[in-house]
Amino acid sequence: MPQLGDQSPSVDGVEQVRVARIGKPHGIRGEVTVQVYTDEPAERFVPGAVLTGRRGSGGRDGELTVVRARWNKDILLLAIEGITTRNQAEELRGTELFAAPDEAGEDDAWYEEDLVGLAVLVDGRRIGTVTGLHTGEFQDLLEIEVDGGAEVLVPFVDEIVPEIDPESGTVTLTPPPGLLTLHEDAGAAPEPGEPA
C-alpha cells in the first residue's frame, strides 16, 4: 500500500483533492457512511471509482474501490470492494478519501485545502483566518475564525466572497451588516426587562 504523508496524496504527479471522510459503519454488510466534501458526489462515487485512502483520525492508507453508492435520507453510504462485514467497515472509520481534481470542473472551483489558513480581509483590514469549508447541497459555507476566537460561517457566494488570492494568502469579504457579529448577539445576555 502506498505510504501517504501529511499532505494531499499525488498520483502520477497530480496532487489529489479530498472528496470525503469515512464515518461509522451502516448495517452489517460492510457499508460505511461518508461526510462528503465535493459538489459532485454522483460523479465522484460511481461504481468502479478508485479513491486514495489516507489515515486521518483513524482508518487506513491505500486504494479503495467503490462498489455501490446510495443515499439514506441525507447521508451518503458507500460499499467498498473487499469490505463485507461491520468489523471491516469499522476499521475504515476516519479514512480521508482523495481523488484527482475534476478537469472539467468550473475554473472558479475551490477546495478546502486551497482556502484553510488564508487571511480574511474586510475593507483591507485583517479580521480573521479561514479554518474550513462546509460543502452543502444548496450552498457552501466558509468557516472563519475571527480574531478574538469566535467562529463564523459565511455563505461562500461571489457577493460576499468576491476575491480569493492564494498568492497573497488572502480572502476578501464584503459581508452584509451584522453577518460577522451574529455570534456576539447570540451569546449576549438579555437586557434588563427582556425575556431570557
C-alpha atoms as a PDB file:
ATOM      1  CA  MET A   1       0.000   0.000   0.000  1.00  0.00           C
ATOM      2  CA  PRO A   2       1.277   3.493  -0.719  1.00  0.00           C
ATOM      3  CA  GLN A   3       2.752   5.483   2.137  1.00  0.00           C
ATOM      4  CA  LEU A   4       0.943   8.784   2.363  1.00  0.00           C
ATOM      5  CA  GLY A   5       2.206  11.768   4.295  1.00  0.00           C
ATOM      6  CA  ASP A   6       0.545  14.747   5.886  1.00  0.00           C
ATOM      7  CA  GLN A   7      -0.017  16.499   2.545  1.00  0.00           C
ATOM      8  CA  SER A   8      -2.637  15.638  -0.060  1.00  0.00           C
ATOM      9  CA  PRO A   9      -1.543  12.481  -1.885  1.00  0.00           C
ATOM     10  CA  SER A  10      -0.462  12.666  -5.506  1.00  0.00           C
ATOM     11  CA  VAL A  11      -0.800  10.085  -8.259  1.00  0.00           C
ATOM     12  CA  ASP A  12       1.414  10.321 -11.357  1.00  0.00           C
ATOM     13  CA  GLY A  13       2.500  13.781 -10.192  1.00  0.00           C
ATOM     14  CA  VAL A  14      -1.075  15.117  -9.885  1.00  0.00           C
ATOM     15  CA  GLU A  15      -1.990  16.315  -6.392  1.00  0.00           C
ATOM     16  CA  GLN A  16      -5.323  14.860  -5.356  1.00  0.00           C
ATOM     17  CA  VAL A  17      -8.142  16.645  -3.544  1.00  0.00           C
ATOM     18  CA  ARG A  18     -10.138  15.440  -0.555  1.00  0.00           C
ATOM     19  CA  VAL A  19     -13.642  14.339  -1.561  1.00  0.00           C
ATOM     20  CA  ALA A  20     -14.933  12.600   1.591  1.00  0.00           C
ATOM     21  CA  ARG A  21     -14.186  11.186   5.028  1.00  0.00           C
ATOM     22  CA  ILE A  22     -15.437   7.771   6.122  1.00  0.00           C
ATOM     23  CA  GLY A  23     -17.601   7.738   9.228  1.00  0.00           C
ATOM     24  CA  LYS A  24     -19.281   4.929  11.108  1.00  0.00           C
ATOM     25  CA  PRO A  25     -20.440   1.613   9.640  1.00  0.00           C
ATOM     26  CA  HIS A  26     -24.023   1.266   8.441  1.00  0.00           C
ATOM     27  CA  GLY A  27     -25.669  -2.105   8.874  1.00  0.00           C
ATOM     28  CA  ILE A  28     -23.861  -5.446   8.976  1.00  0.00           C
ATOM     29  CA  ARG A  29     -22.769  -5.880   5.346  1.00  0.00           C
ATOM     30  CA  GLY A  30     -19.799  -3.504   5.326  1.00  0.00           C
ATOM     31  CA  GLU A  31     -21.375  -0.243   4.148  1.00  0.00           C
ATOM     32  CA  VAL A  32     -19.928   2.972   5.567  1.00  0.00           C
ATOM     33  CA  THR A  33     -21.308   6.468   5.997  1.00  0.00           C
ATOM     34  CA  VAL A  34     -19.256   9.296   4.494  1.00  0.00           C
ATOM     35  CA  GLN A  35     -19.010  13.013   5.073  1.00  0.00           C
ATOM     36  CA  VAL A  36     -18.977  14.474   1.556  1.00  0.00           C
ATOM     37  CA  TYR A  37     -16.536  17.270   0.616  1.00  0.00           C
ATOM     38  CA  THR A  38     -17.399  17.505  -3.080  1.00  0.00           C
ATOM     39  CA  ASP A  39     -20.159  19.268  -5.002  1.00  0.00           C
ATOM     40  CA  GLU A  40     -20.404  16.289  -7.366  1.00  0.00           C
ATOM     41  CA  PRO A  41     -20.974  13.122  -5.316  1.00  0.00           C
ATOM     42  CA  ALA A  42     -22.936  11.484  -8.148  1.00  0.00           C
ATOM     43  CA  GLU A  43     -19.824  11.654 -10.366  1.00  0.00           C
ATOM     44  CA  ARG A  44     -17.165  11.004  -7.711  1.00  0.00           C
ATOM     45  CA  PHE A  45     -18.670   7.866  -6.137  1.00  0.00           C
ATOM     46  CA  VAL A  46     -19.750   5.805  -9.149  1.00  0.00           C
ATOM     47  CA  PRO A  47     -19.212   2.028  -9.037  1.00  0.00           C
ATOM     48  CA  GLY A  48     -15.626   1.276 -10.032  1.00  0.00           C
ATOM     49  CA  ALA A  49     -14.252   4.648  -8.907  1.00  0.00           C
ATOM     50  CA  VAL A  50     -10.848   4.204  -7.278  1.00  0.00           C
ATOM     51  CA  LEU A  51     -10.182   6.582  -4.396  1.00  0.00           C
ATOM     52  CA  THR A  52      -6.994   7.091  -2.443  1.00  0.00           C
ATOM     53  CA  GLY A  53      -7.493   6.473   1.262  1.00  0.00           C
ATOM     54  CA  ARG A  54      -5.338   8.257   3.804  1.00  0.00           C
ATOM     55  CA  ARG A  55      -5.341   7.610   7.519  1.00  0.00           C
ATOM     56  CA  GLY A  56      -6.967  10.597   9.213  1.00  0.00           C
ATOM     57  CA  SER A  57      -8.062  10.333  12.840  1.00  0.00           C
ATOM     58  CA  GLY A  58      -8.211   6.589  12.170  1.00  0.00           C
ATOM     59  CA  GLY A  59      -8.692   4.365   9.162  1.00  0.00           C
ATOM     60  CA  ARG A  60      -6.042   3.208   6.743  1.00  0.00           C
ATOM     61  CA  ASP A  61      -3.939   4.176   3.745  1.00  0.00           C
ATOM     62  CA  GLY A  62      -4.302   2.720   0.249  1.00  0.00           C
ATOM     63  CA  GLU A  63      -6.618   2.478  -2.733  1.00  0.00           C
ATOM     64  CA  LEU A  64     -10.319   1.864  -2.156  1.00  0.00           C
ATOM     65  CA  THR A  65     -12.723   0.934  -4.950  1.00  0.00           C
ATOM     66  CA  VAL A  66     -16.382   1.958  -4.785  1.00  0.00           C
ATOM     67  CA  VAL A  67     -18.792  -0.940  -5.365  1.00  0.00           C
ATOM     68  CA  ARG A  68     -22.019   0.931  -4.679  1.00  0.00           C
ATOM     69  CA  ALA A  69     -23.163   4.367  -3.509  1.00  0.00           C
ATOM     70  CA  ARG A  70     -26.626   5.212  -2.257  1.00  0.00           C
ATOM     71  CA  TRP A  71     -28.335   7.868  -0.186  1.00  0.00           C
ATOM     72  CA  ASN A  72     -30.119   7.111   3.089  1.00  0.00           C
ATOM     73  CA  LYS A  73     -32.050  10.351   3.634  1.00  0.00           C
ATOM     74  CA  ASP A  74     -29.247  12.944   3.524  1.00  0.00           C
ATOM     75  CA  ILE A  75     -26.369  10.565   4.350  1.00  0.00           C
ATOM     76  CA  LEU A  76     -24.251   9.012   1.600  1.00  0.00           C
ATOM     77  CA  LEU A  77     -23.494   5.316   2.078  1.00  0.00           C
ATOM     78  CA  LEU A  78     -20.668   3.551   0.249  1.00  0.00           C
ATOM     79  CA  ALA A  79     -19.931  -0.121  -0.274  1.00  0.00           C
ATOM     80  CA  ILE A  80     -16.176  -0.630  -0.734  1.00  0.00           C
ATOM     81  CA  GLU A  81     -14.616  -3.570  -2.561  1.00  0.00           C
ATOM     82  CA  GLY A  82     -13.432  -6.226  -0.109  1.00  0.00           C
ATOM     83  CA  ILE A  83     -15.325  -4.723   2.862  1.00  0.00           C
ATOM     84  CA  THR A  84     -18.191  -7.095   3.642  1.00  0.00           C
ATOM     85  CA  THR A  85     -18.603  -7.015   7.423  1.00  0.00           C
ATOM     86  CA  ARG A  86     -19.335  -4.375  10.031  1.00  0.00           C
ATOM     87  CA  ASN A  87     -15.953  -5.019  11.708  1.00  0.00           C
ATOM     88  CA  GLN A  88     -14.086  -4.395   8.443  1.00  0.00           C
ATOM     89  CA  ALA A  89     -16.112  -1.213   7.908  1.00  0.00           C
ATOM     90  CA  GLU A  90     -15.242  -0.038  11.433  1.00  0.00           C
ATOM     91  CA  GLU A  91     -11.533  -0.322  10.559  1.00  0.00           C
ATOM     92  CA  LEU A  92     -12.046   2.290   7.812  1.00  0.00           C
ATOM     93  CA  ARG A  93     -13.542   4.897  10.163  1.00  0.00           C
ATOM     94  CA  GLY A  94     -11.655   8.198   9.887  1.00  0.00           C
ATOM     95  CA  THR A  95     -10.117   7.427   6.475  1.00  0.00           C
ATOM     96  CA  GLU A  96      -9.891  10.544   4.294  1.00  0.00           C
ATOM     97  CA  LEU A  97     -10.773   9.847   0.645  1.00  0.00           C
ATOM     98  CA  PHE A  98      -8.956  11.643  -2.180  1.00  0.00           C
ATOM     99  CA  ALA A  99      -9.392  11.777  -5.957  1.00  0.00           C
ATOM    100  CA  ALA A 100      -7.887  13.624  -8.898  1.00  0.00           C
ATOM    101  CA  PRO A 101      -9.199  17.174  -9.411  1.00  0.00           C
ATOM    102  CA  ASP A 102     -12.139  17.410 -11.785  1.00  0.00           C
ATOM    103  CA  GLU A 103     -10.573  18.605 -15.034  1.00  0.00           C
ATOM    104  CA  ALA A 104     -13.980  19.508 -16.408  1.00  0.00           C
ATOM    105  CA  GLY A 105     -14.924  21.439 -13.282  1.00  0.00           C
ATOM    106  CA  GLU A 106     -15.506  25.163 -13.144  1.00  0.00           C
ATOM    107  CA  ASP A 107     -12.451  27.410 -13.226  1.00  0.00           C
ATOM    108  CA  ASP A 108     -13.552  29.095 -10.005  1.00  0.00           C
ATOM    109  CA  ALA A 109     -13.950  25.860  -8.020  1.00  0.00           C
ATOM    110  CA  TRP A 110     -12.126  25.912  -4.689  1.00  0.00           C
ATOM    111  CA  TYR A 111     -11.141  23.089  -2.385  1.00  0.00           C
ATOM    112  CA  GLU A 112     -10.794  23.299   1.377  1.00  0.00           C
ATOM    113  CA  GLU A 113      -7.043  22.680   1.104  1.00  0.00           C
ATOM    114  CA  ASP A 114      -6.734  25.844  -1.033  1.00  0.00           C
ATOM    115  CA  LEU A 115      -8.540  28.040   1.488  1.00  0.00           C
ATOM    116  CA  VAL A 116      -7.614  26.964   5.021  1.00  0.00           C
ATOM    117  CA  GLY A 117      -5.080  29.341   6.554  1.00  0.00           C
ATOM    118  CA  LEU A 118      -5.805  32.299   4.268  1.00  0.00           C
ATOM    119  CA  ALA A 119      -6.152  35.672   6.000  1.00  0.00           C
ATOM    120  CA  VAL A 120      -9.636  37.200   5.794  1.00  0.00           C
ATOM    121  CA  LEU A 121      -9.834  40.887   4.831  1.00  0.00           C
ATOM    122  CA  VAL A 122     -12.764  43.292   5.160  1.00  0.00           C
ATOM    123  CA  ASP A 123     -12.183  46.818   3.787  1.00  0.00           C
ATOM    124  CA  GLY A 124      -8.472  45.987   3.531  1.00  0.00           C
ATOM    125  CA  ARG A 125      -8.233  45.124   7.243  1.00  0.00           C
ATOM    126  CA  ARG A 126      -7.433  41.605   8.507  1.00  0.00           C
ATOM    127  CA  ILE A 127     -10.295  40.296  10.653  1.00  0.00           C
ATOM    128  CA  GLY A 128      -9.509  36.566  10.906  1.00  0.00           C
ATOM    129  CA  THR A 129      -8.453  33.337   9.209  1.00  0.00           C
ATOM    130  CA  VAL A 130     -10.222  30.713   7.095  1.00  0.00           C
ATOM    131  CA  THR A 131     -10.466  27.468   9.104  1.00  0.00           C
ATOM    132  CA  GLY A 132     -12.710  25.324   6.905  1.00  0.00           C
ATOM    133  CA  LEU A 133     -15.139  24.897   4.021  1.00  0.00           C
ATOM    134  CA  HIS A 134     -18.523  23.235   4.548  1.00  0.00           C
ATOM    135  CA  THR A 135     -19.964  21.982   1.257  1.00  0.00           C
ATOM    136  CA  GLY A 136     -23.725  21.709   1.040  1.00  0.00           C
ATOM    137  CA  GLU A 137     -26.284  20.593  -1.491  1.00  0.00           C
ATOM    138  CA  PHE A 138     -27.578  24.129  -1.976  1.00  0.00           C
ATOM    139  CA  GLN A 139     -24.820  26.407  -0.659  1.00  0.00           C
ATOM    140  CA  ASP A 140     -21.256  26.179   0.600  1.00  0.00           C
ATOM    141  CA  LEU A 141     -20.176  27.935   3.788  1.00  0.00           C
ATOM    142  CA  LEU A 142     -16.750  29.378   4.556  1.00  0.00           C
ATOM    143  CA  GLU A 143     -15.717  28.826   8.180  1.00  0.00           C
ATOM    144  CA  ILE A 144     -13.779  31.755   9.606  1.00  0.00           C
ATOM    145  CA  GLU A 145     -12.104  32.183  12.965  1.00  0.00           C
ATOM    146  CA  VAL A 146     -12.498  35.873  13.707  1.00  0.00           C
ATOM    147  CA  ASP A 147      -9.608  37.489  15.564  1.00  0.00           C
ATOM    148  CA  GLY A 148     -10.680  37.095  19.173  1.00  0.00           C
ATOM    149  CA  GLY A 149     -11.551  33.411  18.824  1.00  0.00           C
ATOM    150  CA  ALA A 150     -15.182  33.270  17.623  1.00  0.00           C
ATOM    151  CA  GLU A 151     -16.046  31.081  14.634  1.00  0.00           C
ATOM    152  CA  VAL A 152     -18.386  32.398  11.949  1.00  0.00           C
ATOM    153  CA  LEU A 153     -19.932  30.660   8.932  1.00  0.00           C
ATOM    154  CA  VAL A 154     -20.167  32.867   5.845  1.00  0.00           C
ATOM    155  CA  PRO A 155     -22.089  31.982   2.662  1.00  0.00           C
ATOM    156  CA  PHE A 156     -19.461  31.175   0.019  1.00  0.00           C
ATOM    157  CA  VAL A 157     -21.010  33.248  -2.777  1.00  0.00           C
ATOM    158  CA  ASP A 158     -19.497  35.882  -5.087  1.00  0.00           C
ATOM    159  CA  GLU A 159     -21.470  38.717  -3.496  1.00  0.00           C
ATOM    160  CA  ILE A 160     -19.922  38.065  -0.059  1.00  0.00           C
ATOM    161  CA  VAL A 161     -16.577  36.492  -1.068  1.00  0.00           C
ATOM    162  CA  PRO A 162     -15.653  38.458  -4.216  1.00  0.00           C
ATOM    163  CA  GLU A 163     -11.903  37.788  -4.208  1.00  0.00           C
ATOM    164  CA  ILE A 164      -9.594  34.913  -3.306  1.00  0.00           C
ATOM    165  CA  ASP A 165      -5.869  35.484  -3.792  1.00  0.00           C
ATOM    166  CA  PRO A 166      -3.791  32.439  -2.801  1.00  0.00           C
ATOM    167  CA  GLU A 167      -0.582  34.171  -3.882  1.00  0.00           C
ATOM    168  CA  SER A 168      -1.037  36.933  -1.315  1.00  0.00           C
ATOM    169  CA  GLY A 169      -2.658  34.491   1.119  1.00  0.00           C
ATOM    170  CA  THR A 170      -5.899  36.450   1.441  1.00  0.00           C
ATOM    171  CA  VAL A 171      -9.667  36.177   1.051  1.00  0.00           C
ATOM    172  CA  THR A 172     -11.642  39.412   0.700  1.00  0.00           C
ATOM    173  CA  LEU A 173     -15.142  39.620   2.160  1.00  0.00           C
ATOM    174  CA  THR A 174     -17.916  42.170   1.592  1.00  0.00           C
ATOM    175  CA  PRO A 175     -20.303  40.985   4.311  1.00  0.00           C
ATOM    176  CA  PRO A 176     -23.751  42.490   4.788  1.00  0.00           C
ATOM    177  CA  PRO A 177     -24.158  44.434   8.048  1.00  0.00           C
ATOM    178  CA  GLY A 178     -24.296  42.168  11.090  1.00  0.00           C
ATOM    179  CA  LEU A 179     -23.111  38.955   9.398  1.00  0.00           C
ATOM    180  CA  LEU A 180     -19.810  38.807  11.270  1.00  0.00           C
ATOM    181  CA  THR A 181     -21.330  39.871  14.597  1.00  0.00           C
ATOM    182  CA  LEU A 182     -24.272  37.436  14.747  1.00  0.00           C
ATOM    183  CA  HIS A 183     -22.276  35.247  17.147  1.00  0.00           C
ATOM    184  CA  GLU A 184     -21.924  38.188  19.539  1.00  0.00           C
ATOM    185  CA  ASP A 185     -25.679  38.789  19.588  1.00  0.00           C
ATOM    186  CA  ALA A 186     -26.385  35.090  20.163  1.00  0.00           C
ATOM    187  CA  GLY A 187     -24.169  34.945  23.240  1.00  0.00           C
ATOM    188  CA  ALA A 188     -25.168  38.270  24.705  1.00  0.00           C
ATOM    189  CA  ALA A 189     -27.059  38.409  27.970  1.00  0.00           C
ATOM    190  CA  PRO A 190     -30.613  39.762  27.720  1.00  0.00           C
ATOM    191  CA  GLU A 191     -31.186  43.377  28.635  1.00  0.00           C
ATOM    192  CA  PRO A 192     -32.998  44.020  31.932  1.00  0.00           C
ATOM    193  CA  GLY A 193     -36.718  43.525  31.427  1.00  0.00           C
ATOM    194  CA  GLU A 194     -36.207  41.331  28.320  1.00  0.00           C
ATOM    195  CA  PRO A 195     -37.203  37.677  28.405  1.00  0.00           C
ATOM    196  CA  ALA A 196     -34.241  35.312  28.698  1.00  0.00           C
END
